[in-house]
Amino acid sequence: MESEGGAAVAPRRPDAESEEWLRVLDIDSPDHETGLARLHEKLLLIARGETRRRAAGGPVGGPELDDLAHQAAADAMLAILAKLTTFRGESRFTTWAYAFVIFEVSTKLGRHFWRHAPAPLDEERWELLPDRLGVDPEAWSESLELSLVVREAVEGTLTDHQRSVFVAVVLDGVPLDALCVRLGTTRGALYKTVFDARRKIRAALVANGYLPDEARSSQDGRDGS
């Protein structure tokens, strides 16, 4: 391995704990079975915590959720053992291994959602959109008109991708993990899409007089000080 200047740089050596994990997980190690059991226990602990956190308030729970955690831990274990030789010690072994189980939890929850997807969006849920955007409909006597303006903004100002992601996440309540699986993308990319969509919709509400122009109000405040 060489640095930018051409000088040889020795690869980073794993920390002592990581080296111990590599030793016990080696198939020729006399402690191999014990190591597998310890790793599975840790992966299952992480999987259970992640499934509970990500599925909170959702349709999956109880024994079904625990079964999903067991599946995620088992599949993560197989993936870790298959890629064990790729571990280079840039992080702690457990940190590296936990990334596998978190990925499995995310993927399995996403697939599970699409097997039990809710009914498509209906008219009544469009009327809830102002509240989900942080706009209190009770503050407006024309709440129905407001929901129509918001709907027009969704349909008229967003790109096709922004519209489909926004409707799925904000109105239909599709978990990000599920949408990541369906679209083959990342949570960060979806966050960015929803953020941009919300910004366009709020701009439309400002333009139609349903929300104050915060930038202008801030400028007026500075001018009057």
C-alpha atoms as a PDB file:
ATOM      1  CA  MET A   1       0.000   0.000   0.000  1.00  0.00           C
ATOM      2  CA  GLU A   2       1.370   3.445  -0.941  1.00  0.00           C
ATOM      3  CA  SER A   3       0.623   6.986   0.144  1.00  0.00           C
ATOM      4  CA  GLU A   4       0.142   9.848  -2.334  1.00  0.00           C
ATOM      5  CA  GLY A   5       3.860  10.560  -2.145  1.00  0.00           C
ATOM      6  CA  GLY A   6       4.721   7.006  -3.115  1.00  0.00           C
ATOM      7  CA  ALA A   7       6.000   5.943   0.313  1.00  0.00           C
ATOM      8  CA  ALA A   8       4.855   2.541   1.536  1.00  0.00           C
ATOM      9  CA  VAL A   9       2.248   2.639   4.292  1.00  0.00           C
ATOM     10  CA  ALA A  10       1.687  -0.437   6.418  1.00  0.00           C
ATOM     11  CA  PRO A  11      -1.952  -1.576   6.617  1.00  0.00           C
ATOM     12  CA  ARG A  12      -3.667  -0.739   9.891  1.00  0.00           C
ATOM     13  CA  ARG A  13      -3.612  -3.612  12.343  1.00  0.00           C
ATOM     14  CA  PRO A  14      -6.938  -4.496  13.983  1.00  0.00           C
ATOM     15  CA  ASP A  15      -7.288  -3.725  17.676  1.00  0.00           C
ATOM     16  CA  ALA A  16      -6.876  -6.552  20.171  1.00  0.00           C
ATOM     17  CA  GLU A  17     -10.584  -7.225  20.544  1.00  0.00           C
ATOM     18  CA  SER A  18     -11.072  -7.366  16.773  1.00  0.00           C
ATOM     19  CA  GLU A  19      -8.122  -9.720  16.398  1.00  0.00           C
ATOM     20  CA  GLU A  20      -9.704 -11.997  18.986  1.00  0.00           C
ATOM     21  CA  TRP A  21     -12.939 -12.046  17.003  1.00  0.00           C
ATOM     22  CA  LEU A  22     -11.034 -12.974  13.864  1.00  0.00           C
ATOM     23  CA  ARG A  23      -9.264 -15.752  15.749  1.00  0.00           C
ATOM     24  CA  VAL A  24     -12.362 -17.384  17.205  1.00  0.00           C
ATOM     25  CA  LEU A  25     -14.297 -17.076  13.960  1.00  0.00           C
ATOM     26  CA  ASP A  26     -11.573 -18.797  11.964  1.00  0.00           C
ATOM     27  CA  ILE A  27     -12.988 -22.145  10.896  1.00  0.00           C
ATOM     28  CA  ASP A  28      -9.821 -23.901  12.104  1.00  0.00           C
ATOM     29  CA  SER A  29      -9.974 -22.343  15.558  1.00  0.00           C
ATOM     30  CA  PRO A  30     -10.777 -24.701  18.453  1.00  0.00           C
ATOM     31  CA  ASP A  31     -13.066 -21.926  19.732  1.00  0.00           C
ATOM     32  CA  HIS A  32     -14.938 -21.604  16.422  1.00  0.00           C
ATOM     33  CA  GLU A  33     -18.329 -22.824  17.660  1.00  0.00           C
ATOM     34  CA  THR A  34     -18.118 -20.676  20.777  1.00  0.00           C
ATOM     35  CA  GLY A  35     -17.208 -17.674  18.643  1.00  0.00           C
ATOM     36  CA  LEU A  36     -20.172 -18.263  16.348  1.00  0.00           C
ATOM     37  CA  ALA A  37     -22.527 -18.460  19.315  1.00  0.00           C
ATOM     38  CA  ARG A  38     -21.152 -15.234  20.834  1.00  0.00           C
ATOM     39  CA  LEU A  39     -21.411 -13.371  17.542  1.00  0.00           C
ATOM     40  CA  HIS A  40     -24.956 -14.576  16.898  1.00  0.00           C
ATOM     41  CA  GLU A  41     -25.992 -13.464  20.389  1.00  0.00           C
ATOM     42  CA  LYS A  42     -24.650  -9.973  19.771  1.00  0.00           C
ATOM     43  CA  LEU A  43     -26.177  -9.742  16.299  1.00  0.00           C
ATOM     44  CA  LEU A  44     -29.568 -10.852  17.608  1.00  0.00           C
ATOM     45  CA  LEU A  45     -29.416  -8.209  20.343  1.00  0.00           C
ATOM     46  CA  ILE A  46     -28.770  -5.502  17.757  1.00  0.00           C
ATOM     47  CA  ALA A  47     -31.408  -6.915  15.398  1.00  0.00           C
ATOM     48  CA  ARG A  48     -34.070  -6.904  18.110  1.00  0.00           C
ATOM     49  CA  GLY A  49     -33.264  -3.336  19.080  1.00  0.00           C
ATOM     50  CA  GLU A  50     -33.323  -2.139  15.472  1.00  0.00           C
ATOM     51  CA  THR A  51     -36.562  -3.922  14.581  1.00  0.00           C
ATOM     52  CA  ARG A  52     -38.328  -2.495  17.640  1.00  0.00           C
ATOM     53  CA  ARG A  53     -37.057   1.000  16.910  1.00  0.00           C
ATOM     54  CA  ARG A  54     -37.856   0.972  13.191  1.00  0.00           C
ATOM     55  CA  ALA A  55     -41.189  -0.833  13.471  1.00  0.00           C
ATOM     56  CA  ALA A  56     -42.521   1.279  16.366  1.00  0.00           C
ATOM     57  CA  GLY A  57     -46.159   2.111  15.725  1.00  0.00           C
ATOM     58  CA  GLY A  58     -46.227  -0.022  12.595  1.00  0.00           C
ATOM     59  CA  PRO A  59     -48.201  -3.141  11.693  1.00  0.00           C
ATOM     60  CA  VAL A  60     -45.419  -5.600  12.602  1.00  0.00           C
ATOM     61  CA  GLY A  61     -45.017  -6.658  16.219  1.00  0.00           C
ATOM     62  CA  GLY A  62     -44.890  -9.484  18.741  1.00  0.00           C
ATOM     63  CA  PRO A  63     -43.614 -12.902  17.639  1.00  0.00           C
ATOM     64  CA  GLU A  64     -43.597 -11.814  13.991  1.00  0.00           C
ATOM     65  CA  LEU A  65     -41.190  -8.977  14.739  1.00  0.00           C
ATOM     66  CA  ASP A  66     -38.963 -11.233  16.829  1.00  0.00           C
ATOM     67  CA  ASP A  67     -38.907 -13.799  14.025  1.00  0.00           C
ATOM     68  CA  LEU A  68     -37.804 -11.063  11.643  1.00  0.00           C
ATOM     69  CA  ALA A  69     -34.984 -10.148  14.059  1.00  0.00           C
ATOM     70  CA  HIS A  70     -33.839 -13.779  14.157  1.00  0.00           C
ATOM     71  CA  GLN A  71     -33.840 -13.936  10.356  1.00  0.00           C
ATOM     72  CA  ALA A  72     -31.839 -10.724  10.138  1.00  0.00           C
ATOM     73  CA  ALA A  73     -29.258 -11.985  12.658  1.00  0.00           C
ATOM     74  CA  ALA A  74     -28.899 -15.319  10.862  1.00  0.00           C
ATOM     75  CA  ASP A  75     -28.495 -13.751   7.424  1.00  0.00           C
ATOM     76  CA  ALA A  76     -26.060 -11.164   8.788  1.00  0.00           C
ATOM     77  CA  MET A  77     -23.998 -13.970  10.313  1.00  0.00           C
ATOM     78  CA  LEU A  78     -23.723 -15.729   6.937  1.00  0.00           C
ATOM     79  CA  ALA A  79     -22.737 -12.483   5.210  1.00  0.00           C
ATOM     80  CA  ILE A  80     -20.112 -11.663   7.842  1.00  0.00           C
ATOM     81  CA  LEU A  81     -18.501 -15.103   7.629  1.00  0.00           C
ATOM     82  CA  ALA A  82     -18.460 -14.920   3.834  1.00  0.00           C
ATOM     83  CA  LYS A  83     -16.700 -11.537   3.947  1.00  0.00           C
ATOM     84  CA  LEU A  84     -14.476 -12.151   6.962  1.00  0.00           C
ATOM     85  CA  THR A  85     -11.302 -11.925   4.888  1.00  0.00           C
ATOM     86  CA  THR A  86     -12.277  -8.435   3.714  1.00  0.00           C
ATOM     87  CA  PHE A  87     -12.116  -6.987   7.236  1.00  0.00           C
ATOM     88  CA  ARG A  88      -9.127  -4.648   7.321  1.00  0.00           C
ATOM     89  CA  GLY A  89      -9.362  -3.127  10.779  1.00  0.00           C
ATOM     90  CA  GLU A  90     -10.414   0.380   9.744  1.00  0.00           C
ATOM     91  CA  SER A  91     -13.043   0.122  12.499  1.00  0.00           C
ATOM     92  CA  ARG A  92     -13.734  -2.224  15.395  1.00  0.00           C
ATOM     93  CA  PHE A  93     -14.872  -5.651  14.279  1.00  0.00           C
ATOM     94  CA  THR A  94     -18.194  -5.317  16.100  1.00  0.00           C
ATOM     95  CA  THR A  95     -18.869  -1.977  14.404  1.00  0.00           C
ATOM     96  CA  TRP A  96     -18.170  -3.584  11.040  1.00  0.00           C
ATOM     97  CA  ALA A  97     -20.326  -6.604  11.865  1.00  0.00           C
ATOM     98  CA  TYR A  98     -23.258  -4.568  13.188  1.00  0.00           C
ATOM     99  CA  ALA A  99     -23.530  -2.798   9.839  1.00  0.00           C
ATOM    100  CA  PHE A 100     -24.469  -6.150   8.289  1.00  0.00           C
ATOM    101  CA  VAL A 101     -27.301  -6.832  10.710  1.00  0.00           C
ATOM    102  CA  ILE A 102     -28.658  -3.300  10.460  1.00  0.00           C
ATOM    103  CA  PHE A 103     -28.732  -3.666   6.685  1.00  0.00           C
ATOM    104  CA  GLU A 104     -30.587  -6.985   7.005  1.00  0.00           C
ATOM    105  CA  VAL A 105     -33.147  -5.475   9.382  1.00  0.00           C
ATOM    106  CA  SER A 106     -33.734  -2.566   7.015  1.00  0.00           C
ATOM    107  CA  THR A 107     -34.151  -4.839   4.002  1.00  0.00           C
ATOM    108  CA  LYS A 108     -36.441  -7.334   5.727  1.00  0.00           C
ATOM    109  CA  LEU A 109     -38.701  -4.680   7.229  1.00  0.00           C
ATOM    110  CA  GLY A 110     -38.939  -3.059   3.814  1.00  0.00           C
ATOM    111  CA  ARG A 111     -39.897  -6.296   2.090  1.00  0.00           C
ATOM    112  CA  HIS A 112     -42.350  -7.152   4.847  1.00  0.00           C
ATOM    113  CA  PHE A 113     -44.095  -3.806   4.424  1.00  0.00           C
ATOM    114  CA  TRP A 114     -44.742  -4.361   0.727  1.00  0.00           C
ATOM    115  CA  ARG A 115     -46.286  -7.752   1.463  1.00  0.00           C
ATOM    116  CA  HIS A 116     -48.791  -5.973   3.730  1.00  0.00           C
ATOM    117  CA  ALA A 117     -48.970  -2.559   2.085  1.00  0.00           C
ATOM    118  CA  PRO A 118     -51.877  -0.283   3.122  1.00  0.00           C
ATOM    119  CA  ALA A 119     -54.666   0.835   0.829  1.00  0.00           C
ATOM    120  CA  PRO A 120     -53.893   3.617  -1.687  1.00  0.00           C
ATOM    121  CA  LEU A 121     -54.325   7.240  -0.709  1.00  0.00           C
ATOM    122  CA  ASP A 122     -57.925   8.468  -0.524  1.00  0.00           C
ATOM    123  CA  GLU A 123     -59.550  11.902  -0.521  1.00  0.00           C
ATOM    124  CA  GLU A 124     -59.834  12.147   3.271  1.00  0.00           C
ATOM    125  CA  ARG A 125     -56.105  11.684   3.732  1.00  0.00           C
ATOM    126  CA  TRP A 126     -55.390  14.519   1.322  1.00  0.00           C
ATOM    127  CA  GLU A 127     -57.310  16.745   3.747  1.00  0.00           C
ATOM    128  CA  LEU A 128     -54.857  15.767   6.493  1.00  0.00           C
ATOM    129  CA  LEU A 129     -51.877  16.932   4.459  1.00  0.00           C
ATOM    130  CA  PRO A 130     -51.687  20.533   5.809  1.00  0.00           C
ATOM    131  CA  ASP A 131     -51.334  19.201   9.348  1.00  0.00           C
ATOM    132  CA  ARG A 132     -48.611  16.758   8.276  1.00  0.00           C
ATOM    133  CA  LEU A 133     -46.732  19.669   6.732  1.00  0.00           C
ATOM    134  CA  GLY A 134     -46.768  21.497  10.044  1.00  0.00           C
ATOM    135  CA  VAL A 135     -49.618  23.828   9.040  1.00  0.00           C
ATOM    136  CA  ASP A 136     -52.474  23.871  11.540  1.00  0.00           C
ATOM    137  CA  PRO A 137     -55.728  23.769   9.521  1.00  0.00           C
ATOM    138  CA  GLU A 138     -57.620  25.209  12.514  1.00  0.00           C
ATOM    139  CA  ALA A 139     -55.680  28.413  12.039  1.00  0.00           C
ATOM    140  CA  TRP A 140     -57.430  28.887   8.714  1.00  0.00           C
ATOM    141  CA  SER A 141     -61.155  29.285   8.193  1.00  0.00           C
ATOM    142  CA  GLU A 142     -60.661  27.926   4.677  1.00  0.00           C
ATOM    143  CA  SER A 143     -59.121  24.604   5.762  1.00  0.00           C
ATOM    144  CA  LEU A 144     -60.652  22.686   2.871  1.00  0.00           C
ATOM    145  CA  GLU A 145     -59.383  25.316   0.455  1.00  0.00           C
ATOM    146  CA  LEU A 146     -55.946  25.003   2.040  1.00  0.00           C
ATOM    147  CA  SER A 147     -55.876  21.248   1.497  1.00  0.00           C
ATOM    148  CA  LEU A 148     -56.814  21.810  -2.150  1.00  0.00           C
ATOM    149  CA  VAL A 149     -53.998  24.334  -2.561  1.00  0.00           C
ATOM    150  CA  VAL A 150     -51.555  21.896  -1.011  1.00  0.00           C
ATOM    151  CA  ARG A 151     -52.738  19.136  -3.297  1.00  0.00           C
ATOM    152  CA  GLU A 152     -52.341  21.404  -6.319  1.00  0.00           C
ATOM    153  CA  ALA A 153     -48.806  22.210  -5.149  1.00  0.00           C
ATOM    154  CA  VAL A 154     -47.986  18.500  -4.828  1.00  0.00           C
ATOM    155  CA  GLU A 155     -49.389  17.730  -8.258  1.00  0.00           C
ATOM    156  CA  GLY A 156     -48.180  20.863 -10.022  1.00  0.00           C
ATOM    157  CA  THR A 157     -44.797  21.845  -8.577  1.00  0.00           C
ATOM    158  CA  LEU A 158     -43.069  18.556  -7.741  1.00  0.00           C
ATOM    159  CA  THR A 159     -41.211  16.323 -10.157  1.00  0.00           C
ATOM    160  CA  ASP A 160     -42.635  12.841 -10.718  1.00  0.00           C
ATOM    161  CA  HIS A 161     -39.997  11.369  -8.405  1.00  0.00           C
ATOM    162  CA  GLN A 162     -40.546  13.971  -5.681  1.00  0.00           C
ATOM    163  CA  ARG A 163     -44.306  13.485  -5.891  1.00  0.00           C
ATOM    164  CA  SER A 164     -44.188   9.694  -5.614  1.00  0.00           C
ATOM    165  CA  VAL A 165     -41.724   9.772  -2.703  1.00  0.00           C
ATOM    166  CA  PHE A 166     -43.567  12.579  -0.899  1.00  0.00           C
ATOM    167  CA  VAL A 167     -46.973  10.920  -1.197  1.00  0.00           C
ATOM    168  CA  ALA A 168     -45.537   7.558  -0.099  1.00  0.00           C
ATOM    169  CA  VAL A 169     -43.677   8.893   2.952  1.00  0.00           C
ATOM    170  CA  VAL A 170     -45.816  11.809   4.150  1.00  0.00           C
ATOM    171  CA  LEU A 171     -49.335  10.769   3.189  1.00  0.00           C
ATOM    172  CA  ASP A 172     -49.265   7.003   2.882  1.00  0.00           C
ATOM    173  CA  GLY A 173     -46.897   6.541   5.815  1.00  0.00           C
ATOM    174  CA  VAL A 174     -44.572   4.167   3.970  1.00  0.00           C
ATOM    175  CA  PRO A 175     -41.465   3.555   6.135  1.00  0.00           C
ATOM    176  CA  LEU A 176     -38.209   4.803   4.635  1.00  0.00           C
ATOM    177  CA  ASP A 177     -36.741   1.306   4.850  1.00  0.00           C
ATOM    178  CA  ALA A 178     -39.576  -0.045   2.714  1.00  0.00           C
ATOM    179  CA  LEU A 179     -39.219   2.712   0.144  1.00  0.00           C
ATOM    180  CA  CYS A 180     -35.454   2.172  -0.017  1.00  0.00           C
ATOM    181  CA  VAL A 181     -36.092  -1.455  -0.955  1.00  0.00           C
ATOM    182  CA  ARG A 182     -38.715  -0.556  -3.547  1.00  0.00           C
ATOM    183  CA  LEU A 183     -36.653   2.210  -5.202  1.00  0.00           C
ATOM    184  CA  GLY A 184     -33.188   0.750  -4.674  1.00  0.00           C
ATOM    185  CA  THR A 185     -31.937   3.925  -2.982  1.00  0.00           C
ATOM    186  CA  THR A 186     -30.693   5.149   0.401  1.00  0.00           C
ATOM    187  CA  ARG A 187     -32.394   6.775   3.394  1.00  0.00           C
ATOM    188  CA  GLY A 188     -30.253   9.882   2.868  1.00  0.00           C
ATOM    189  CA  ALA A 189     -31.433  10.250  -0.725  1.00  0.00           C
ATOM    190  CA  LEU A 190     -35.066   9.909   0.350  1.00  0.00           C
ATOM    191  CA  TYR A 191     -34.617  12.465   3.140  1.00  0.00           C
ATOM    192  CA  LYS A 192     -33.253  14.900   0.549  1.00  0.00           C
ATOM    193  CA  THR A 193     -36.170  14.256  -1.826  1.00  0.00           C
ATOM    194  CA  VAL A 194     -38.783  14.792   0.896  1.00  0.00           C
ATOM    195  CA  PHE A 195     -36.975  17.931   2.105  1.00  0.00           C
ATOM    196  CA  ASP A 196     -36.939  19.422  -1.396  1.00  0.00           C
ATOM    197  CA  ALA A 197     -40.608  18.530  -1.892  1.00  0.00           C
ATOM    198  CA  ARG A 198     -41.640  20.159   1.401  1.00  0.00           C
ATOM    199  CA  ARG A 199     -39.696  23.293   0.445  1.00  0.00           C
ATOM    200  CA  LYS A 200     -41.525  23.560  -2.897  1.00  0.00           C
ATOM    201  CA  ILE A 201     -44.922  23.035  -1.268  1.00  0.00           C
ATOM    202  CA  ARG A 202     -44.277  25.639   1.415  1.00  0.00           C
ATOM    203  CA  ALA A 203     -43.154  28.068  -1.284  1.00  0.00           C
ATOM    204  CA  ALA A 204     -46.472  27.506  -3.058  1.00  0.00           C
ATOM    205  CA  LEU A 205     -48.375  28.151   0.182  1.00  0.00           C
ATOM    206  CA  VAL A 206     -46.419  31.366   0.732  1.00  0.00           C
ATOM    207  CA  ALA A 207     -47.127  32.476  -2.834  1.00  0.00           C
ATOM    208  CA  ASN A 208     -50.848  31.891  -2.288  1.00  0.00           C
ATOM    209  CA  GLY A 209     -50.886  33.759   1.024  1.00  0.00           C
ATOM    210  CA  TYR A 210     -51.482  30.725   3.240  1.00  0.00           C
ATOM    211  CA  LEU A 211     -48.138  31.003   5.005  1.00  0.00           C
ATOM    212  CA  PRO A 212     -46.088  34.080   5.936  1.00  0.00           C
ATOM    213  CA  ASP A 213     -42.964  34.792   3.950  1.00  0.00           C
ATOM    214  CA  GLU A 214     -40.423  34.141   6.698  1.00  0.00           C
ATOM    215  CA  ALA A 215     -37.545  35.557   4.670  1.00  0.00           C
ATOM    216  CA  ARG A 216     -39.437  38.805   4.083  1.00  0.00           C
ATOM    217  CA  SER A 217     -40.586  38.990   7.709  1.00  0.00           C
ATOM    218  CA  SER A 218     -36.992  38.542   8.844  1.00  0.00           C
ATOM    219  CA  GLN A 219     -35.837  41.311   6.473  1.00  0.00           C
ATOM    220  CA  ASP A 220     -38.615  43.649   7.631  1.00  0.00           C
ATOM    221  CA  GLY A 221     -37.600  43.020  11.219  1.00  0.00           C
ATOM    222  CA  ARG A 222     -33.988  43.968  10.478  1.00  0.00           C
ATOM    223  CA  ASP A 223     -35.083  47.070   8.546  1.00  0.00           C
ATOM    224  CA  GLY A 224     -37.245  48.214  11.442  1.00  0.00           C
ATOM    225  CA  SER A 225     -34.610  47.683  14.110  1.00  0.00           C
END
